[in-house]
Amino acid sequence: MHVLVIGAAGMIGRKLVERLAGSPSVLGDAIERLTLADAIMPAVPEALQSVTTALTVDLADAGTAPKLIAGRPDIIFHLAAIVSGEAEADFDKGYAVNLDGTRALFEAIRREGQREAYRPRVLFASSIAVFGAPFPDIIGADFFATPLTSYGTQKAIAELLLADYSRRGIFDGVGIRLPTICIRPGTPNKAASGFFSNILREPLAGKEAVLPVSEDVRHWFASPRAAVGFFIHAATMDTNLIGPRRNLTMPGLSATVGEEIEALRRVAGDKAASLIRREPDPVIAGIVAGWPSNFDASRAEKLGFRAESTFDEIIRIHIEDELAGGLP
């Protein structure tokens, strides 16, 4: 089996590659070839070093997608994206990467299939940002996509392309609408949703964090561990069960910022919670106000997708996976 991971240097990409290296047959067959691609050089897992090729590429550049597809990978994880805040701030870059790069990838697959029969499984990282206000109390599977950000618009267009290319038999695609992933390891990025992780990750490490919105802001969350599980399951499931509507809203946990902080207090104590500093940011607050916060994800759950049910669990997963099981 040949596996291609685009966006392999990003957080989910790194976690996914770690999972593949730890369980080489998790996708059903042994990985005989692994190609990792990103705008910065991805790390090569030691366990799969002999079969791995790592590439530094820009998916939006002409020629990149055909080069990646020339090896005819069986499973393609398309995780590369310009994150929400940066896509809003840099119109050209957001559309170049999130839309043009995705279309180039899909077209490269189509052209390879025209040359010789080829129909890979494509797993696409979409987002709940494809939905826009006004929202019902709970967003069901039939709620329409009317995004209120450039990032959400780019993802929504890519979802439509994925569904159409799958309908026409060009590839076997599944769009994974990710909740906000929390707690993201590493350092803060340019995602407008970054503070949801920052206000937990930094205090857990004994550092101050800034909260730019009010504590009554509610959102939809899942852990990095759950996110990797979504993609692994989508890569191995019977996609005939999905039907023609190939984009799925993933299960998650609906919680307010205040509930996040209370979970932090329960797990790590008052000292950690006291490290959160309130500094309202109207730009961030405005972006977040246009995001959905509660979903009926029963369609994905019936197909076998799973996520956490409490924020205490999400915090403990971060402590296990990123802090060696303990607090400083």
Protein backbone atom coordinates (compact mmCIF):
# COMPACT_ATOMS: atom_id res chain seq x y z
CA MET A 1 0.00 0.00 0.00
CA HIS A 2 1.19 3.49 -0.89
CA VAL A 3 0.02 6.25 1.47
CA LEU A 4 0.36 9.98 0.73
CA VAL A 5 0.01 12.53 3.54
CA ILE A 6 -0.24 16.14 2.34
CA GLY A 7 0.21 18.54 5.24
CA ALA A 8 2.34 16.00 7.08
CA ALA A 9 4.23 18.65 9.08
CA GLY A 10 1.07 20.09 10.61
CA MET A 11 -0.29 19.01 13.95
CA ILE A 12 -2.80 16.44 12.70
CA GLY A 13 -0.35 15.29 10.03
CA ARG A 14 2.36 14.63 12.59
CA LYS A 15 -0.06 12.78 14.87
CA LEU A 16 -1.36 10.73 11.96
CA VAL A 17 2.15 9.74 10.85
CA GLU A 18 2.99 8.75 14.44
CA ARG A 19 -0.09 6.53 14.47
CA LEU A 20 0.84 4.93 11.15
CA ALA A 21 4.38 4.32 12.38
CA GLY A 22 3.14 2.82 15.64
CA SER A 23 0.64 0.55 13.88
CA PRO A 24 1.83 0.02 10.28
CA SER A 25 -1.19 -2.17 9.46
CA VAL A 26 -3.78 0.18 10.97
CA LEU A 27 -5.04 0.96 7.45
CA GLY A 28 -5.66 -2.72 6.77
CA ASP A 29 -2.52 -3.55 4.80
CA ALA A 30 1.17 -3.01 5.45
CA ILE A 31 2.52 0.35 4.28
CA GLU A 32 4.97 -0.42 1.50
CA ARG A 33 5.48 3.22 0.58
CA LEU A 34 4.82 6.44 2.53
CA THR A 35 5.09 9.89 0.95
CA LEU A 36 5.02 12.92 3.26
CA ALA A 37 4.59 16.39 1.78
CA ASP A 38 4.28 19.88 3.23
CA ALA A 39 5.50 23.44 2.83
CA ILE A 40 8.12 22.67 5.49
CA MET A 41 10.06 19.42 5.67
CA PRO A 42 8.02 16.72 7.44
CA ALA A 43 9.69 14.49 10.00
CA VAL A 44 10.30 10.92 8.87
CA PRO A 45 9.22 8.25 11.39
CA GLU A 46 12.06 5.91 12.29
CA ALA A 47 9.83 2.83 12.11
CA LEU A 48 8.97 3.58 8.45
CA GLN A 49 12.22 5.26 7.43
CA SER A 50 13.09 2.68 4.78
CA VAL A 51 9.81 3.21 2.88
CA THR A 52 9.30 6.96 3.44
CA THR A 53 9.94 9.88 1.10
CA ALA A 54 9.62 13.39 2.57
CA LEU A 55 9.08 16.37 0.26
CA THR A 56 8.99 20.13 0.69
CA VAL A 57 6.36 21.38 -1.73
CA ASP A 58 3.65 23.99 -2.23
CA LEU A 59 0.46 22.30 -3.40
CA ALA A 60 -0.65 25.51 -5.11
CA ASP A 61 2.43 25.53 -7.38
CA ALA A 62 1.91 24.23 -10.91
CA GLY A 63 3.35 20.75 -11.26
CA THR A 64 3.29 19.85 -7.56
CA ALA A 65 0.04 17.85 -7.57
CA PRO A 66 0.93 15.74 -10.65
CA LYS A 67 4.30 14.99 -9.05
CA LEU A 68 2.62 13.74 -5.87
CA ILE A 69 0.09 11.65 -7.78
CA ALA A 70 2.59 10.15 -10.24
CA GLY A 71 3.35 7.47 -7.65
CA ARG A 72 -0.34 6.49 -7.67
CA PRO A 73 -0.90 6.44 -3.90
CA ASP A 74 -3.74 4.18 -2.73
CA ILE A 75 -4.75 6.40 0.19
CA ILE A 76 -4.38 10.20 0.19
CA PHE A 77 -4.76 12.26 3.34
CA HIS A 78 -5.22 15.90 2.28
CA LEU A 79 -4.64 17.88 5.49
CA ALA A 80 -2.83 20.94 4.12
CA ALA A 81 -4.51 24.31 4.68
CA ILE A 82 -4.03 27.96 5.50
CA VAL A 83 -5.74 28.32 8.88
CA SER A 84 -8.80 30.47 9.49
CA GLY A 85 -7.26 33.68 10.82
CA GLU A 86 -4.53 33.74 8.17
CA ALA A 87 -7.00 32.93 5.37
CA GLU A 88 -9.10 35.89 6.49
CA ALA A 89 -6.09 38.21 6.64
CA ASP A 90 -4.46 37.07 3.38
CA PHE A 91 -7.14 36.61 0.70
CA ASP A 92 -4.77 35.52 -2.07
CA LYS A 93 -2.86 32.99 0.03
CA GLY A 94 -6.01 31.46 1.49
CA TYR A 95 -7.61 30.85 -1.90
CA ALA A 96 -4.34 29.69 -3.46
CA VAL A 97 -3.74 26.98 -0.87
CA ASN A 98 -7.18 26.04 0.39
CA LEU A 99 -8.99 26.08 -2.94
CA ASP A 100 -6.57 26.18 -5.89
CA GLY A 101 -4.23 23.61 -4.35
CA THR A 102 -7.13 21.28 -3.57
CA ARG A 103 -8.54 21.59 -7.09
CA ALA A 104 -5.08 20.92 -8.53
CA LEU A 105 -4.83 17.74 -6.45
CA PHE A 106 -8.26 16.52 -7.55
CA GLU A 107 -7.44 17.29 -11.18
CA ALA A 108 -4.11 15.47 -10.98
CA ILE A 109 -5.96 12.38 -9.76
CA ARG A 110 -8.47 12.70 -12.62
CA ARG A 111 -5.76 13.01 -15.25
CA GLU A 112 -3.82 10.07 -13.83
CA GLY A 113 -7.01 8.01 -14.02
CA GLN A 114 -7.52 9.00 -17.63
CA ARG A 115 -4.08 7.61 -18.47
CA GLU A 116 -4.70 4.30 -16.70
CA ALA A 117 -7.41 3.06 -14.32
CA TYR A 118 -6.84 4.70 -10.93
CA ARG A 119 -9.30 5.45 -8.09
CA PRO A 120 -7.64 6.21 -4.74
CA ARG A 121 -9.33 6.86 -1.40
CA VAL A 122 -9.09 10.61 -0.62
CA LEU A 123 -9.60 11.87 2.93
CA PHE A 124 -10.08 15.64 3.02
CA ALA A 125 -9.76 17.81 6.14
CA SER A 126 -12.76 20.13 6.06
CA SER A 127 -14.18 22.20 8.90
CA ILE A 128 -17.35 23.20 10.73
CA ALA A 129 -16.49 26.69 9.42
CA VAL A 130 -18.46 25.74 6.28
CA PHE A 131 -21.55 26.69 8.30
CA GLY A 132 -22.54 30.28 9.01
CA ALA A 133 -24.99 32.13 11.23
CA PRO A 134 -27.86 32.34 11.95
CA PHE A 135 -27.88 28.88 13.50
CA PRO A 136 -30.55 26.66 15.01
CA ASP A 137 -29.92 25.40 18.54
CA ILE A 138 -28.48 22.21 17.09
CA ILE A 139 -27.12 21.96 13.54
CA GLY A 140 -28.35 18.81 11.85
CA ALA A 141 -27.07 16.96 8.80
CA ASP A 142 -29.40 18.91 6.51
CA PHE A 143 -28.34 22.41 7.57
CA PHE A 144 -27.05 24.38 4.60
CA ALA A 145 -23.47 25.62 4.24
CA THR A 146 -23.39 29.42 4.19
CA PRO A 147 -19.94 30.27 5.57
CA LEU A 148 -19.13 33.75 6.87
CA THR A 149 -15.34 33.57 6.49
CA SER A 150 -13.01 33.11 3.52
CA TYR A 151 -11.65 29.95 5.17
CA GLY A 152 -15.13 28.47 5.50
CA THR A 153 -15.95 29.43 1.91
CA GLN A 154 -12.79 27.75 0.62
CA LYS A 155 -13.57 24.57 2.55
CA ALA A 156 -17.21 24.57 1.39
CA ILE A 157 -16.20 24.84 -2.26
CA ALA A 158 -13.69 22.01 -1.80
CA GLU A 159 -16.43 19.89 -0.22
CA LEU A 160 -18.61 20.33 -3.30
CA LEU A 161 -15.72 19.38 -5.55
CA LEU A 162 -14.97 16.29 -3.46
CA ALA A 163 -18.60 15.15 -3.66
CA ASP A 164 -18.76 15.65 -7.42
CA TYR A 165 -15.43 13.98 -8.19
CA SER A 166 -16.49 11.06 -5.99
CA ARG A 167 -19.90 10.86 -7.71
CA ARG A 168 -18.17 10.62 -11.07
CA GLY A 169 -15.89 7.82 -9.85
CA ILE A 170 -12.69 9.84 -10.15
CA PHE A 171 -11.76 8.99 -6.56
CA ASP A 172 -13.39 7.61 -3.43
CA GLY A 173 -13.58 10.72 -1.24
CA VAL A 174 -14.64 11.44 2.31
CA GLY A 175 -14.79 14.99 3.67
CA ILE A 176 -14.09 15.16 7.41
CA ARG A 177 -15.63 18.30 8.94
CA LEU A 178 -13.39 18.68 11.94
CA PRO A 179 -14.48 20.29 15.19
CA THR A 180 -12.00 22.75 16.64
CA ILE A 181 -9.11 20.53 17.74
CA CYS A 182 -8.22 21.06 21.35
CA ILE A 183 -5.78 20.95 22.99
CA ARG A 184 -3.40 21.65 20.12
CA PRO A 185 0.23 20.97 21.13
CA GLY A 186 3.14 23.25 20.33
CA THR A 187 2.93 27.02 20.13
CA PRO A 188 0.06 29.37 19.20
CA ASN A 189 -0.68 29.64 15.46
CA LYS A 190 -2.69 32.11 13.39
CA ALA A 191 -5.97 30.24 13.66
CA ALA A 192 -8.75 32.42 15.03
CA SER A 193 -9.74 29.45 17.18
CA GLY A 194 -6.26 29.13 18.70
CA PHE A 195 -7.23 30.66 22.04
CA PHE A 196 -9.46 27.65 22.81
CA SER A 197 -6.26 25.59 23.10
CA ASN A 198 -4.03 28.36 24.42
CA ILE A 199 -6.08 28.91 27.59
CA LEU A 200 -5.55 25.26 28.52
CA ARG A 201 -2.17 24.33 27.07
CA GLU A 202 -0.22 27.29 28.46
CA PRO A 203 -1.58 27.12 32.05
CA LEU A 204 -0.97 23.35 32.06
CA ALA A 205 2.68 24.21 31.35
CA GLY A 206 2.73 26.91 34.06
CA LYS A 207 2.47 29.82 31.59
CA GLU A 208 0.06 32.72 31.18
CA ALA A 209 -2.53 32.66 28.41
CA VAL A 210 -4.75 35.35 26.88
CA LEU A 211 -8.51 34.92 26.54
CA PRO A 212 -9.85 37.30 23.83
CA VAL A 213 -13.57 36.44 24.11
CA SER A 214 -16.17 36.14 26.86
CA GLU A 215 -16.58 32.96 28.87
CA ASP A 216 -20.08 32.34 27.51
CA VAL A 217 -18.74 31.67 23.99
CA ARG A 218 -19.73 28.11 23.07
CA HIS A 219 -17.98 25.92 20.52
CA TRP A 220 -17.57 22.35 19.19
CA PHE A 221 -14.41 20.42 20.18
CA ALA A 222 -12.49 17.18 19.79
CA SER A 223 -8.97 16.13 20.77
CA PRO A 224 -6.05 15.56 18.39
CA ARG A 225 -6.32 11.87 19.25
CA ALA A 226 -9.95 11.84 18.12
CA ALA A 227 -9.06 13.74 14.93
CA VAL A 228 -6.51 11.11 13.91
CA GLY A 229 -9.11 8.46 14.68
CA PHE A 230 -11.57 10.17 12.32
CA PHE A 231 -9.12 9.95 9.41
CA ILE A 232 -8.04 6.37 10.14
CA HIS A 233 -11.67 5.27 10.31
CA ALA A 234 -12.56 7.11 7.10
CA ALA A 235 -9.61 5.47 5.34
CA THR A 236 -10.70 1.96 6.28
CA MET A 237 -14.51 2.07 6.37
CA ASP A 238 -16.95 0.84 3.73
CA THR A 239 -17.69 4.11 1.94
CA ASN A 240 -20.74 2.59 0.26
CA LEU A 241 -22.45 3.16 3.61
CA ILE A 242 -21.97 6.94 3.29
CA GLY A 243 -23.96 7.40 0.11
CA PRO A 244 -23.60 10.39 -2.23
CA ARG A 245 -23.33 12.99 0.56
CA ARG A 246 -19.63 12.50 1.10
CA ASN A 247 -18.95 15.27 3.65
CA LEU A 248 -19.54 14.34 7.28
CA THR A 249 -19.75 16.51 10.39
CA MET A 250 -17.63 14.76 12.99
CA PRO A 251 -18.77 14.05 16.54
CA GLY A 252 -17.53 16.43 19.20
CA LEU A 253 -18.19 18.10 22.52
CA SER A 254 -20.21 21.31 22.79
CA ALA A 255 -18.79 23.47 25.60
CA THR A 256 -18.39 27.09 26.64
CA VAL A 257 -15.10 28.79 27.39
CA GLY A 258 -16.24 28.93 31.01
CA GLU A 259 -16.75 25.14 31.01
CA GLU A 260 -13.25 24.73 29.57
CA ILE A 261 -11.83 26.78 32.43
CA GLU A 262 -13.79 24.84 35.05
CA ALA A 263 -12.46 21.57 33.61
CA LEU A 264 -8.94 23.02 33.81
CA ARG A 265 -9.59 23.92 37.43
CA ARG A 266 -10.81 20.39 38.23
CA VAL A 267 -7.86 18.69 36.56
CA ALA A 268 -5.00 21.11 37.32
CA GLY A 269 -6.24 23.31 40.17
CA ASP A 270 -6.90 26.98 40.85
CA LYS A 271 -3.30 28.00 40.21
CA ALA A 272 -3.50 26.89 36.59
CA ALA A 273 -6.86 28.59 36.04
CA SER A 274 -5.51 31.84 37.50
CA LEU A 275 -2.94 32.06 34.68
CA ILE A 276 -5.67 33.02 32.16
CA ARG A 277 -5.65 36.76 31.43
CA ARG A 278 -8.76 38.40 29.93
CA GLU A 279 -7.96 40.73 27.02
CA PRO A 280 -10.99 41.22 24.74
CA ASP A 281 -10.22 41.23 21.00
CA PRO A 282 -13.18 42.42 18.91
CA VAL A 283 -11.73 40.98 15.68
CA ILE A 284 -11.44 37.47 17.12
CA ALA A 285 -14.79 37.81 18.87
CA GLY A 286 -16.40 38.84 15.58
CA ILE A 287 -15.00 35.84 13.70
CA VAL A 288 -15.99 33.38 16.42
CA ALA A 289 -19.51 34.83 16.59
CA GLY A 290 -20.10 33.51 13.07
CA TRP A 291 -19.16 29.94 13.97
CA PRO A 292 -21.53 27.11 14.94
CA SER A 293 -21.40 25.59 18.41
CA ASN A 294 -23.60 22.51 18.65
CA PHE A 295 -24.27 19.69 16.20
CA ASP A 296 -26.29 16.58 15.67
CA ALA A 297 -23.45 14.32 14.52
CA SER A 298 -25.54 11.14 14.67
CA ARG A 299 -24.95 10.41 10.97
CA ALA A 300 -21.18 10.17 11.53
CA GLU A 301 -21.65 8.33 14.83
CA LYS A 302 -23.78 5.68 13.11
CA LEU A 303 -20.91 5.21 10.67
CA GLY A 304 -18.51 4.52 13.56
CA PHE A 305 -16.83 7.89 14.20
CA ARG A 306 -16.14 8.70 17.88
CA ALA A 307 -14.97 11.68 19.98
CA GLU A 308 -14.72 12.69 23.65
CA SER A 309 -17.74 13.43 25.83
CA THR A 310 -16.15 15.69 28.51
CA PHE A 311 -13.51 18.42 28.59
CA ASP A 312 -11.84 16.68 31.53
CA GLU A 313 -11.14 13.81 29.14
CA ILE A 314 -9.72 16.16 26.49
CA ILE A 315 -7.39 17.74 29.06
CA ARG A 316 -6.24 14.36 30.37
CA ILE A 317 -5.48 13.20 26.82
CA HIS A 318 -3.23 16.25 26.39
CA ILE A 319 -1.46 15.49 29.66
CA GLU A 320 -0.91 11.86 28.61
CA ASP A 321 0.22 12.59 25.06
CA GLU A 322 2.16 15.85 25.47
CA LEU A 323 3.20 16.17 29.12
CA ALA A 324 4.39 12.62 29.80
CA GLY A 325 1.36 11.97 31.97
CA GLY A 326 2.02 14.68 34.56
CA LEU A 327 1.99 18.42 35.24
CA PRO A 328 5.11 20.54 35.82
